[in-house]
Each structure stands twice: as structure tokens, then as C-alpha cells.
């Protein structure tokens, strides 16, 4: 999977956006990833993952806060997305039915 990478906050944060939209149910991700953060915006899920503050958005984009190692971020994004989404398995926590 390939990502478009955007640097934010003077390069302190990275947002990785998958090359194709990956529908993610942020409410379920927030609960399943055992977030210790207060539920913020309805359209995102923020949680701590291996000591890194992660925010997942409904189209599959992932923000790494205060983390600017691009190769590691790409590796971690693949791991996170594999935990929360599998287009062939509706039981994965991040699966959300496409609505037209």
C-alpha cells in the first residue's frame, strides 16, 4: 500500500493518506483500540499506539502526532490499517459499509 505523506506543525506531525479510500468506522476503532483519550471529533479516533499519539480518519488517513520518522510511520500505518480494516472481512473492527 502506498501513501501520500503530509507534514504538519513544522514537520512534527505526519499524516499518511492511503492511495485509495479505506472506509473506517472511527467509533468502533476508538473503542476497540482502547483509547485513553476523551472522544473528540465524531469523525476521528485518537488513541495511543506503541507510545505514539495516533488519529485515524474515516477515509483511512492516519495522523502521527509528534512523530516525524516517515519510513517508520509508513510501516506503522500498514500495521494499524491491517488491525482495523480488511475489505474481505466484515468482522474487522474498522469495516464500514460504503454508502452511495
PDB file of N, CA and C in Angstrom:
ATOM      1  N   UNK A   1       0.850  -1.168   0.000  1.00  0.00           N
ATOM      2  CA  UNK A   1       0.000   0.000   0.000  1.00  0.00           C
ATOM      3  C   UNK A   1       0.898   1.235   0.000  1.00  0.00           C
ATOM      4  N   UNK A   2       0.533   2.176  -0.822  1.00  0.00           N
ATOM      5  CA  UNK A   2       1.287   3.422  -0.919  1.00  0.00           C
ATOM      6  C   UNK A   2       0.507   4.542  -0.245  1.00  0.00           C
ATOM      7  N   UNK A   3       1.247   5.535   0.256  1.00  0.00           N
ATOM      8  CA  UNK A   3       0.642   6.660   0.972  1.00  0.00           C
ATOM      9  C   UNK A   3       1.133   7.983   0.416  1.00  0.00           C
ATOM     10  N   UNK A   4       0.271   8.977   0.507  1.00  0.00           N
ATOM     11  CA  UNK A   4       0.682  10.363   0.329  1.00  0.00           C
ATOM     12  C   UNK A   4       0.992  10.862   1.727  1.00  0.00           C
ATOM     13  N   UNK A   5       2.147  11.497   1.897  1.00  0.00           N
ATOM     14  CA  UNK A   5       2.570  11.954   3.213  1.00  0.00           C
ATOM     15  C   UNK A   5       2.528  13.471   3.266  1.00  0.00           C
ATOM     16  N   UNK A   6       1.899  14.000   4.302  1.00  0.00           N
ATOM     17  CA  UNK A   6       1.825  15.439   4.534  1.00  0.00           C
ATOM     18  C   UNK A   6       2.443  15.719   5.893  1.00  0.00           C
ATOM     19  N   UNK A   7       3.336  16.695   5.924  1.00  0.00           N
ATOM     20  CA  UNK A   7       3.944  17.107   7.194  1.00  0.00           C
ATOM     21  C   UNK A   7       3.180  18.314   7.727  1.00  0.00           C
ATOM     22  N   UNK A   8       2.872  18.268   9.023  1.00  0.00           N
ATOM     23  CA  UNK A   8       2.148  19.358   9.672  1.00  0.00           C
ATOM     24  C   UNK A   8       2.957  19.868  10.861  1.00  0.00           C
ATOM     25  N   UNK A   9       2.560  21.003  11.382  1.00  0.00           N
ATOM     26  CA  UNK A   9       3.146  21.550  12.615  1.00  0.00           C
ATOM     27  C   UNK A   9       4.667  21.628  12.537  1.00  0.00           C
ATOM     28  N   UNK A  10       5.168  22.209  11.467  1.00  0.00           N
ATOM     29  CA  UNK A  10       6.608  22.360  11.326  1.00  0.00           C
ATOM     30  C   UNK A  10       7.339  21.040  11.191  1.00  0.00           C
ATOM     31  N   UNK A  11       6.670  20.030  10.681  1.00  0.00           N
ATOM     32  CA  UNK A  11       7.296  18.734  10.486  1.00  0.00           C
ATOM     33  C   UNK A  11       7.209  17.816  11.684  1.00  0.00           C
ATOM     34  N   UNK A  12       6.517  18.237  12.739  1.00  0.00           N
ATOM     35  CA  UNK A  12       6.414  17.415  13.945  1.00  0.00           C
ATOM     36  C   UNK A  12       5.340  16.336  13.841  1.00  0.00           C
ATOM     37  N   UNK A  13       4.378  16.533  12.951  1.00  0.00           N
ATOM     38  CA  UNK A  13       3.304  15.555  12.760  1.00  0.00           C
ATOM     39  C   UNK A  13       3.317  15.079  11.310  1.00  0.00           C
ATOM     40  N   UNK A  14       2.925  13.831  11.100  1.00  0.00           N
ATOM     41  CA  UNK A  14       2.798  13.283   9.760  1.00  0.00           C
ATOM     42  C   UNK A  14       1.375  12.783   9.562  1.00  0.00           C
ATOM     43  N   UNK A  15       0.806  13.061   8.393  1.00  0.00           N
ATOM     44  CA  UNK A  15      -0.480  12.484   8.017  1.00  0.00           C
ATOM     45  C   UNK A  15      -0.225  11.603   6.807  1.00  0.00           C
ATOM     46  N   UNK A  16      -0.562  10.331   6.931  1.00  0.00           N
ATOM     47  CA  UNK A  16      -0.416   9.393   5.831  1.00  0.00           C
ATOM     48  C   UNK A  16      -1.800   9.066   5.293  1.00  0.00           C
ATOM     49  N   UNK A  17      -1.983   9.301   3.992  1.00  0.00           N
ATOM     50  CA  UNK A  17      -3.257   9.051   3.335  1.00  0.00           C
ATOM     51  C   UNK A  17      -3.064   7.934   2.326  1.00  0.00           C
ATOM     52  N   UNK A  18      -3.818   6.834   2.468  1.00  0.00           N
ATOM     53  CA  UNK A  18      -3.684   5.723   1.525  1.00  0.00           C
ATOM     54  C   UNK A  18      -4.040   6.159   0.115  1.00  0.00           C
ATOM     55  N   UNK A  19      -3.433   5.503  -0.872  1.00  0.00           N
ATOM     56  CA  UNK A  19      -3.673   5.870  -2.263  1.00  0.00           C
ATOM     57  C   UNK A  19      -5.133   5.656  -2.674  1.00  0.00           C
ATOM     58  N   UNK A  20      -5.828   4.759  -1.998  1.00  0.00           N
ATOM     59  CA  UNK A  20      -7.265   4.599  -2.253  1.00  0.00           C
ATOM     60  C   UNK A  20      -7.992   4.727  -0.924  1.00  0.00           C
ATOM     61  N   UNK A  21      -9.213   5.224  -0.997  1.00  0.00           N
ATOM     62  CA  UNK A  21     -10.006   5.419   0.216  1.00  0.00           C
ATOM     63  C   UNK A  21     -10.258   4.080   0.901  1.00  0.00           C
ATOM     64  N   UNK A  22     -10.044   4.053   2.205  1.00  0.00           N
ATOM     65  CA  UNK A  22     -10.303   2.863   3.011  1.00  0.00           C
ATOM     66  C   UNK A  22     -11.359   3.263   4.042  1.00  0.00           C
ATOM     67  N   UNK A  23     -12.601   2.796   3.889  1.00  0.00           N
ATOM     68  CA  UNK A  23     -13.654   3.198   4.813  1.00  0.00           C
ATOM     69  C   UNK A  23     -13.424   2.643   6.218  1.00  0.00           C
ATOM     70  N   UNK A  24     -13.379   3.536   7.190  1.00  0.00           N
ATOM     71  CA  UNK A  24     -13.099   3.156   8.569  1.00  0.00           C
ATOM     72  C   UNK A  24     -14.214   3.660   9.482  1.00  0.00           C
ATOM     73  N   UNK A  25     -14.712   2.806  10.350  1.00  0.00           N
ATOM     74  CA  UNK A  25     -15.718   3.178  11.345  1.00  0.00           C
ATOM     75  C   UNK A  25     -14.966   3.682  12.581  1.00  0.00           C
ATOM     76  N   UNK A  26     -14.812   4.982  12.698  1.00  0.00           N
ATOM     77  CA  UNK A  26     -13.998   5.573  13.765  1.00  0.00           C
ATOM     78  C   UNK A  26     -14.561   5.305  15.156  1.00  0.00           C
ATOM     79  N   UNK A  27     -15.863   5.222  15.299  1.00  0.00           N
ATOM     80  CA  UNK A  27     -16.443   4.931  16.608  1.00  0.00           C
ATOM     81  C   UNK A  27     -15.976   3.567  17.111  1.00  0.00           C
ATOM     82  N   UNK A  28     -16.018   2.585  16.244  1.00  0.00           N
ATOM     83  CA  UNK A  28     -15.601   1.233  16.633  1.00  0.00           C
ATOM     84  C   UNK A  28     -14.100   1.164  16.876  1.00  0.00           C
ATOM     85  N   UNK A  29     -13.335   1.866  16.054  1.00  0.00           N
ATOM     86  CA  UNK A  29     -11.877   1.882  16.242  1.00  0.00           C
ATOM     87  C   UNK A  29     -11.533   2.507  17.588  1.00  0.00           C
ATOM     88  N   UNK A  30     -12.198   3.602  17.920  1.00  0.00           N
ATOM     89  CA  UNK A  30     -11.945   4.310  19.180  1.00  0.00           C
ATOM     90  C   UNK A  30     -12.119   3.373  20.367  1.00  0.00           C
ATOM     91  N   UNK A  31     -13.181   2.586  20.338  1.00  0.00           N
ATOM     92  CA  UNK A  31     -13.464   1.663  21.443  1.00  0.00           C
ATOM     93  C   UNK A  31     -12.507   0.471  21.417  1.00  0.00           C
ATOM     94  N   UNK A  32     -12.338  -0.135  20.257  1.00  0.00           N
ATOM     95  CA  UNK A  32     -11.537  -1.352  20.150  1.00  0.00           C
ATOM     96  C   UNK A  32     -10.062  -1.115  20.459  1.00  0.00           C
ATOM     97  N   UNK A  33      -9.536   0.036  20.075  1.00  0.00           N
ATOM     98  CA  UNK A  33      -8.118   0.307  20.313  1.00  0.00           C
ATOM     99  C   UNK A  33      -7.896   0.772  21.753  1.00  0.00           C
ATOM    100  N   UNK A  34      -8.960   0.694  22.560  1.00  0.00           N
ATOM    101  CA  UNK A  34      -8.884   1.024  23.986  1.00  0.00           C
ATOM    102  C   UNK A  34      -8.286   2.406  24.220  1.00  0.00           C
ATOM    103  N   UNK A  35      -8.868   3.357  23.513  1.00  0.00           N
ATOM    104  CA  UNK A  35      -8.368   4.726  23.601  1.00  0.00           C
ATOM    105  C   UNK A  35      -8.442   5.258  25.022  1.00  0.00           C
ATOM    106  N   UNK A  36      -7.384   5.932  25.423  1.00  0.00           N
ATOM    107  CA  UNK A  36      -7.363   6.589  26.729  1.00  0.00           C
ATOM    108  C   UNK A  36      -7.667   8.074  26.569  1.00  0.00           C
ATOM    109  N   UNK A  37      -7.936   8.496  25.353  1.00  0.00           N
ATOM    110  CA  UNK A  37      -8.237   9.902  25.084  1.00  0.00           C
ATOM    111  C   UNK A  37      -9.734  10.139  25.155  1.00  0.00           C
ATOM    112  N   UNK A  38     -10.103  11.340  25.517  1.00  0.00           N
ATOM    113  CA  UNK A  38     -11.507  11.718  25.502  1.00  0.00           C
ATOM    114  C   UNK A  38     -11.958  11.775  24.054  1.00  0.00           C
ATOM    115  N   UNK A  39     -13.132  11.248  23.808  1.00  0.00           N
ATOM    116  CA  UNK A  39     -13.659  11.239  22.439  1.00  0.00           C
ATOM    117  C   UNK A  39     -13.751  12.662  21.955  1.00  0.00           C
ATOM    118  N   UNK A  40     -13.051  12.949  20.864  1.00  0.00           N
ATOM    119  CA  UNK A  40     -13.045  14.298  20.306  1.00  0.00           C
ATOM    120  C   UNK A  40     -14.032  14.407  19.165  1.00  0.00           C
ATOM    121  N   UNK A  41     -13.536  14.776  18.025  1.00  0.00           N
ATOM    122  CA  UNK A  41     -14.381  14.926  16.843  1.00  0.00           C
ATOM    123  C   UNK A  41     -15.047  13.599  16.511  1.00  0.00           C
ATOM    124  N   UNK A  42     -16.288  13.675  16.083  1.00  0.00           N
ATOM    125  CA  UNK A  42     -17.048  12.467  15.767  1.00  0.00           C
ATOM    126  C   UNK A  42     -16.419  11.696  14.609  1.00  0.00           C
ATOM    127  N   UNK A  43     -15.755  12.405  13.726  1.00  0.00           N
ATOM    128  CA  UNK A  43     -15.209  11.767  12.534  1.00  0.00           C
ATOM    129  C   UNK A  43     -13.730  11.415  12.654  1.00  0.00           C
ATOM    130  N   UNK A  44     -13.311  11.026  13.838  1.00  0.00           N
ATOM    131  CA  UNK A  44     -11.932  10.573  14.015  1.00  0.00           C
ATOM    132  C   UNK A  44     -11.841   9.708  15.264  1.00  0.00           C
ATOM    133  N   UNK A  45     -10.763   8.960  15.354  1.00  0.00           N
ATOM    134  CA  UNK A  45     -10.498   8.149  16.547  1.00  0.00           C
ATOM    135  C   UNK A  45      -9.054   8.407  16.948  1.00  0.00           C
ATOM    136  N   UNK A  46      -8.838   8.838  18.181  1.00  0.00           N
ATOM    137  CA  UNK A  46      -7.491   9.113  18.679  1.00  0.00           C
ATOM    138  C   UNK A  46      -7.168   8.102  19.766  1.00  0.00           C
ATOM    139  N   UNK A  47      -5.963   7.534  19.695  1.00  0.00           N
ATOM    140  CA  UNK A  47      -5.541   6.552  20.676  1.00  0.00           C
ATOM    141  C   UNK A  47      -4.021   6.504  20.717  1.00  0.00           C
ATOM    142  N   UNK A  48      -3.511   5.915  21.769  1.00  0.00           N
ATOM    143  CA  UNK A  48      -2.076   5.723  21.920  1.00  0.00           C
ATOM    144  C   UNK A  48      -1.724   4.358  21.344  1.00  0.00           C
ATOM    145  N   UNK A  49      -0.757   4.325  20.462  1.00  0.00           N
ATOM    146  CA  UNK A  49      -0.332   3.081  19.839  1.00  0.00           C
ATOM    147  C   UNK A  49       1.186   2.996  19.945  1.00  0.00           C
ATOM    148  N   UNK A  50       1.673   2.086  20.771  1.00  0.00           N
ATOM    149  CA  UNK A  50       3.119   1.931  20.980  1.00  0.00           C
ATOM    150  C   UNK A  50       3.796   3.243  21.376  1.00  0.00           C
ATOM    151  N   UNK A  51       3.107   4.021  22.214  1.00  0.00           N
ATOM    152  CA  UNK A  51       3.677   5.273  22.700  1.00  0.00           C
ATOM    153  C   UNK A  51       3.564   6.446  21.750  1.00  0.00           C
ATOM    154  N   UNK A  52       2.823   6.280  20.661  1.00  0.00           N
ATOM    155  CA  UNK A  52       2.651   7.349  19.676  1.00  0.00           C
ATOM    156  C   UNK A  52       1.173   7.742  19.653  1.00  0.00           C
ATOM    157  N   UNK A  53       0.893   9.046  19.661  1.00  0.00           N
ATOM    158  CA  UNK A  53      -0.485   9.509  19.571  1.00  0.00           C
ATOM    159  C   UNK A  53      -0.929   9.396  18.104  1.00  0.00           C
ATOM    160  N   UNK A  54      -1.968   8.591  17.889  1.00  0.00           N
ATOM    161  CA  UNK A  54      -2.478   8.295  16.549  1.00  0.00           C
ATOM    162  C   UNK A  54      -3.890   8.837  16.425  1.00  0.00           C
ATOM    163  N   UNK A  55      -4.203   9.417  15.274  1.00  0.00           N
ATOM    164  CA  UNK A  55      -5.575   9.795  14.950  1.00  0.00           C
ATOM    165  C   UNK A  55      -5.919   9.146  13.613  1.00  0.00           C
ATOM    166  N   UNK A  56      -7.016   8.385  13.588  1.00  0.00           N
ATOM    167  CA  UNK A  56      -7.484   7.740  12.361  1.00  0.00           C
ATOM    168  C   UNK A  56      -8.734   8.462  11.897  1.00  0.00           C
ATOM    169  N   UNK A  57      -8.817   8.704  10.587  1.00  0.00           N
ATOM    170  CA  UNK A  57      -9.954   9.414   9.994  1.00  0.00           C
ATOM    171  C   UNK A  57     -10.771   8.453   9.128  1.00  0.00           C
ATOM    172  N   UNK A  58     -12.037   8.804   8.840  1.00  0.00           N
ATOM    173  CA  UNK A  58     -12.955   7.893   8.149  1.00  0.00           C
ATOM    174  C   UNK A  58     -12.481   7.372   6.788  1.00  0.00           C
ATOM    175  N   UNK A  59     -11.647   8.100   6.072  1.00  0.00           N
ATOM    176  CA  UNK A  59     -11.182   7.642   4.757  1.00  0.00           C
ATOM    177  C   UNK A  59      -9.891   6.834   4.850  1.00  0.00           C
ATOM    178  N   UNK A  60      -9.448   6.546   6.092  1.00  0.00           N
ATOM    179  CA  UNK A  60      -8.263   5.735   6.274  1.00  0.00           C
ATOM    180  C   UNK A  60      -6.972   6.505   6.494  1.00  0.00           C
ATOM    181  N   UNK A  61      -7.037   7.828   6.480  1.00  0.00           N
ATOM    182  CA  UNK A  61      -5.838   8.624   6.768  1.00  0.00           C
ATOM    183  C   UNK A  61      -5.466   8.460   8.232  1.00  0.00           C
ATOM    184  N   UNK A  62      -4.166   8.499   8.491  1.00  0.00           N
ATOM    185  CA  UNK A  62      -3.667   8.336   9.858  1.00  0.00           C
ATOM    186  C   UNK A  62      -2.696   9.467  10.162  1.00  0.00           C
ATOM    187  N   UNK A  63      -2.935  10.154  11.284  1.00  0.00           N
ATOM    188  CA  UNK A  63      -2.019  11.201  11.713  1.00  0.00           C
ATOM    189  C   UNK A  63      -1.183  10.689  12.874  1.00  0.00           C
ATOM    190  N   UNK A  64       0.122  10.894  12.762  1.00  0.00           N
ATOM    191  CA  UNK A  64       1.085  10.569  13.807  1.00  0.00           C
ATOM    192  C   UNK A  64       1.507  11.880  14.443  1.00  0.00           C
ATOM    193  N   UNK A  65       1.092  12.117  15.683  1.00  0.00           N
ATOM    194  CA  UNK A  65       1.396  13.381  16.359  1.00  0.00           C
ATOM    195  C   UNK A  65       2.749  13.300  17.058  1.00  0.00           C
ATOM    196  N   UNK A  66       3.541  14.353  16.883  1.00  0.00           N
ATOM    197  CA  UNK A  66       4.871  14.447  17.488  1.00  0.00           C
ATOM    198  C   UNK A  66       5.737  13.249  17.081  1.00  0.00           C
ATOM    199  N   UNK A  67       5.632  12.869  15.816  1.00  0.00           N
ATOM    200  CA  UNK A  67       6.384  11.741  15.278  1.00  0.00           C
ATOM    201  C   UNK A  67       6.710  12.078  13.837  1.00  0.00           C
ATOM    202  N   UNK A  68       7.988  12.155  13.483  1.00  0.00           N
ATOM    203  CA  UNK A  68       8.334  12.592  12.134  1.00  0.00           C
ATOM    204  C   UNK A  68       9.260  11.635  11.385  1.00  0.00           C
ATOM    205  N   UNK A  69       9.278  10.370  11.770  1.00  0.00           N
ATOM    206  CA  UNK A  69      10.070   9.365  11.082  1.00  0.00           C
ATOM    207  C   UNK A  69       9.201   8.741   9.982  1.00  0.00           C
ATOM    208  N   UNK A  70       9.360   9.241   8.754  1.00  0.00           N
ATOM    209  CA  UNK A  70       8.479   8.826   7.661  1.00  0.00           C
ATOM    210  C   UNK A  70       8.525   7.317   7.386  1.00  0.00           C
ATOM    211  N   UNK A  71       9.696   6.697   7.248  1.00  0.00           N
ATOM    212  CA  UNK A  71       9.693   5.248   6.980  1.00  0.00           C
ATOM    213  C   UNK A  71       8.983   4.440   8.066  1.00  0.00           C
ATOM    214  N   UNK A  72       9.218   4.794   9.325  1.00  0.00           N
ATOM    215  CA  UNK A  72       8.544   4.087  10.425  1.00  0.00           C
ATOM    216  C   UNK A  72       7.042   4.372  10.402  1.00  0.00           C
ATOM    217  N   UNK A  73       6.668   5.605  10.107  1.00  0.00           N
ATOM    218  CA  UNK A  73       5.245   5.954  10.042  1.00  0.00           C
ATOM    219  C   UNK A  73       4.538   5.122   8.973  1.00  0.00           C
ATOM    220  N   UNK A  74       5.173   4.926   7.831  1.00  0.00           N
ATOM    221  CA  UNK A  74       4.567   4.107   6.772  1.00  0.00           C
ATOM    222  C   UNK A  74       4.424   2.653   7.230  1.00  0.00           C
ATOM    223  N   UNK A  75       5.440   2.147   7.901  1.00  0.00           N
ATOM    224  CA  UNK A  75       5.378   0.782   8.434  1.00  0.00           C
ATOM    225  C   UNK A  75       4.254   0.662   9.460  1.00  0.00           C
ATOM    226  N   UNK A  76       4.191   1.620  10.375  1.00  0.00           N
ATOM    227  CA  UNK A  76       3.163   1.600  11.419  1.00  0.00           C
ATOM    228  C   UNK A  76       1.768   1.770  10.834  1.00  0.00           C
ATOM    229  N   UNK A  77       1.618   2.621   9.825  1.00  0.00           N
ATOM    230  CA  UNK A  77       0.308   2.830   9.198  1.00  0.00           C
ATOM    231  C   UNK A  77      -0.202   1.521   8.599  1.00  0.00           C
ATOM    232  N   UNK A  78       0.677   0.785   7.950  1.00  0.00           N
ATOM    233  CA  UNK A  78       0.275  -0.517   7.395  1.00  0.00           C
ATOM    234  C   UNK A  78      -0.173  -1.469   8.512  1.00  0.00           C
ATOM    235  N   UNK A  79       0.564  -1.471   9.622  1.00  0.00           N
ATOM    236  CA  UNK A  79       0.196  -2.347  10.742  1.00  0.00           C
ATOM    237  C   UNK A  79      -1.154  -1.949  11.329  1.00  0.00           C
ATOM    238  N   UNK A  80      -1.349  -0.656  11.539  1.00  0.00           N
ATOM    239  CA  UNK A  80      -2.612  -0.175  12.118  1.00  0.00           C
ATOM    240  C   UNK A  80      -3.772  -0.492  11.197  1.00  0.00           C
ATOM    241  N   UNK A  81      -3.614  -0.199   9.903  1.00  0.00           N
ATOM    242  CA  UNK A  81      -4.705  -0.467   8.969  1.00  0.00           C
ATOM    243  C   UNK A  81      -5.003  -1.961   8.875  1.00  0.00           C
ATOM    244  N   UNK A  82      -3.996  -2.799   8.996  1.00  0.00           N
ATOM    245  CA  UNK A  82      -4.257  -4.244   8.946  1.00  0.00           C
ATOM    246  C   UNK A  82      -5.023  -4.701  10.186  1.00  0.00           C
ATOM    247  N   UNK A  83      -4.847  -3.989  11.308  1.00  0.00           N
ATOM    248  CA  UNK A  83      -5.587  -4.325  12.528  1.00  0.00           C
ATOM    249  C   UNK A  83      -7.044  -3.878  12.459  1.00  0.00           C
ATOM    250  N   UNK A  84      -7.311  -2.791  11.750  1.00  0.00           N
ATOM    251  CA  UNK A  84      -8.659  -2.223  11.792  1.00  0.00           C
ATOM    252  C   UNK A  84      -9.469  -2.404  10.524  1.00  0.00           C
ATOM    253  N   UNK A  85      -8.840  -2.828   9.425  1.00  0.00           N
ATOM    254  CA  UNK A  85      -9.608  -2.904   8.181  1.00  0.00           C
ATOM    255  C   UNK A  85      -9.135  -4.047   7.299  1.00  0.00           C
ATOM    256  N   UNK A  86     -10.090  -4.796   6.787  1.00  0.00           N
ATOM    257  CA  UNK A  86      -9.840  -5.822   5.785  1.00  0.00           C
ATOM    258  C   UNK A  86     -11.080  -5.851   4.905  1.00  0.00           C
ATOM    259  N   UNK A  87     -10.924  -5.449   3.643  1.00  0.00           N
ATOM    260  CA  UNK A  87     -12.098  -5.335   2.774  1.00  0.00           C
ATOM    261  C   UNK A  87     -12.821  -6.657   2.569  1.00  0.00           C
ATOM    262  N   UNK A  88     -12.175  -7.766   2.879  1.00  0.00           N
ATOM    263  CA  UNK A  88     -12.809  -9.075   2.706  1.00  0.00           C
ATOM    264  C   UNK A  88     -13.367  -9.649   4.000  1.00  0.00           C
ATOM    265  N   UNK A  89     -13.233  -8.923   5.085  1.00  0.00           N
ATOM    266  CA  UNK A  89     -13.652  -9.451   6.388  1.00  0.00           C
ATOM    267  C   UNK A  89     -14.479  -8.399   7.133  1.00  0.00           C
ATOM    268  N   UNK A  90     -15.778  -8.549   7.099  1.00  0.00           N
ATOM    269  CA  UNK A  90     -16.660  -7.576   7.733  1.00  0.00           C
ATOM    270  C   UNK A  90     -16.564  -7.605   9.250  1.00  0.00           C
ATOM    271  N   UNK A  91     -15.873  -8.575   9.810  1.00  0.00           N
ATOM    272  CA  UNK A  91     -15.737  -8.656  11.258  1.00  0.00           C
ATOM    273  C   UNK A  91     -14.616  -7.768  11.784  1.00  0.00           C
ATOM    274  N   UNK A  92     -13.728  -7.307  10.906  1.00  0.00           N
ATOM    275  CA  UNK A  92     -12.667  -6.404  11.357  1.00  0.00           C
ATOM    276  C   UNK A  92     -13.323  -5.157  11.938  1.00  0.00           C
ATOM    277  N   UNK A  93     -12.721  -4.581  12.948  1.00  0.00           N
ATOM    278  CA  UNK A  93     -13.363  -3.500  13.683  1.00  0.00           C
ATOM    279  C   UNK A  93     -13.581  -2.241  12.861  1.00  0.00           C
ATOM    280  N   UNK A  94     -12.779  -2.015  11.858  1.00  0.00           N
ATOM    281  CA  UNK A  94     -12.901  -0.769  11.113  1.00  0.00           C
ATOM    282  C   UNK A  94     -13.797  -0.850   9.900  1.00  0.00           C
ATOM    283  N   UNK A  95     -14.392  -2.026   9.658  1.00  0.00           N
ATOM    284  CA  UNK A  95     -15.205  -2.163   8.457  1.00  0.00           C
ATOM    285  C   UNK A  95     -16.440  -1.277   8.533  1.00  0.00           C
ATOM    286  N   UNK A  96     -16.683  -0.532   7.506  1.00  0.00           N
ATOM    287  CA  UNK A  96     -17.911   0.241   7.413  1.00  0.00           C
ATOM    288  C   UNK A  96     -18.445   0.075   5.989  1.00  0.00           C
ATOM    289  N   UNK A  97     -19.713  -0.158   5.885  1.00  0.00           N
ATOM    290  CA  UNK A  97     -20.323  -0.375   4.590  1.00  0.00           C
ATOM    291  C   UNK A  97     -20.321   0.914   3.783  1.00  0.00           C
ATOM    292  N   UNK A  98     -19.903   0.844   2.534  1.00  0.00           N
ATOM    293  CA  UNK A  98     -19.920   2.013   1.661  1.00  0.00           C
ATOM    294  C   UNK A  98     -21.366   2.430   1.423  1.00  0.00           C
ATOM    295  N   UNK A  99     -21.632   3.705   1.519  1.00  0.00           N
ATOM    296  CA  UNK A  99     -22.975   4.218   1.260  1.00  0.00           C
ATOM    297  C   UNK A  99     -22.933   5.083   0.018  1.00  0.00           C
ATOM    298  N   UNK A 100     -23.922   4.906  -0.835  1.00  0.00           N
ATOM    299  CA  UNK A 100     -23.973   5.674  -2.085  1.00  0.00           C
ATOM    300  C   UNK A 100     -25.036   6.742  -1.983  1.00  0.00           C
TER     301      UNK A 100
END
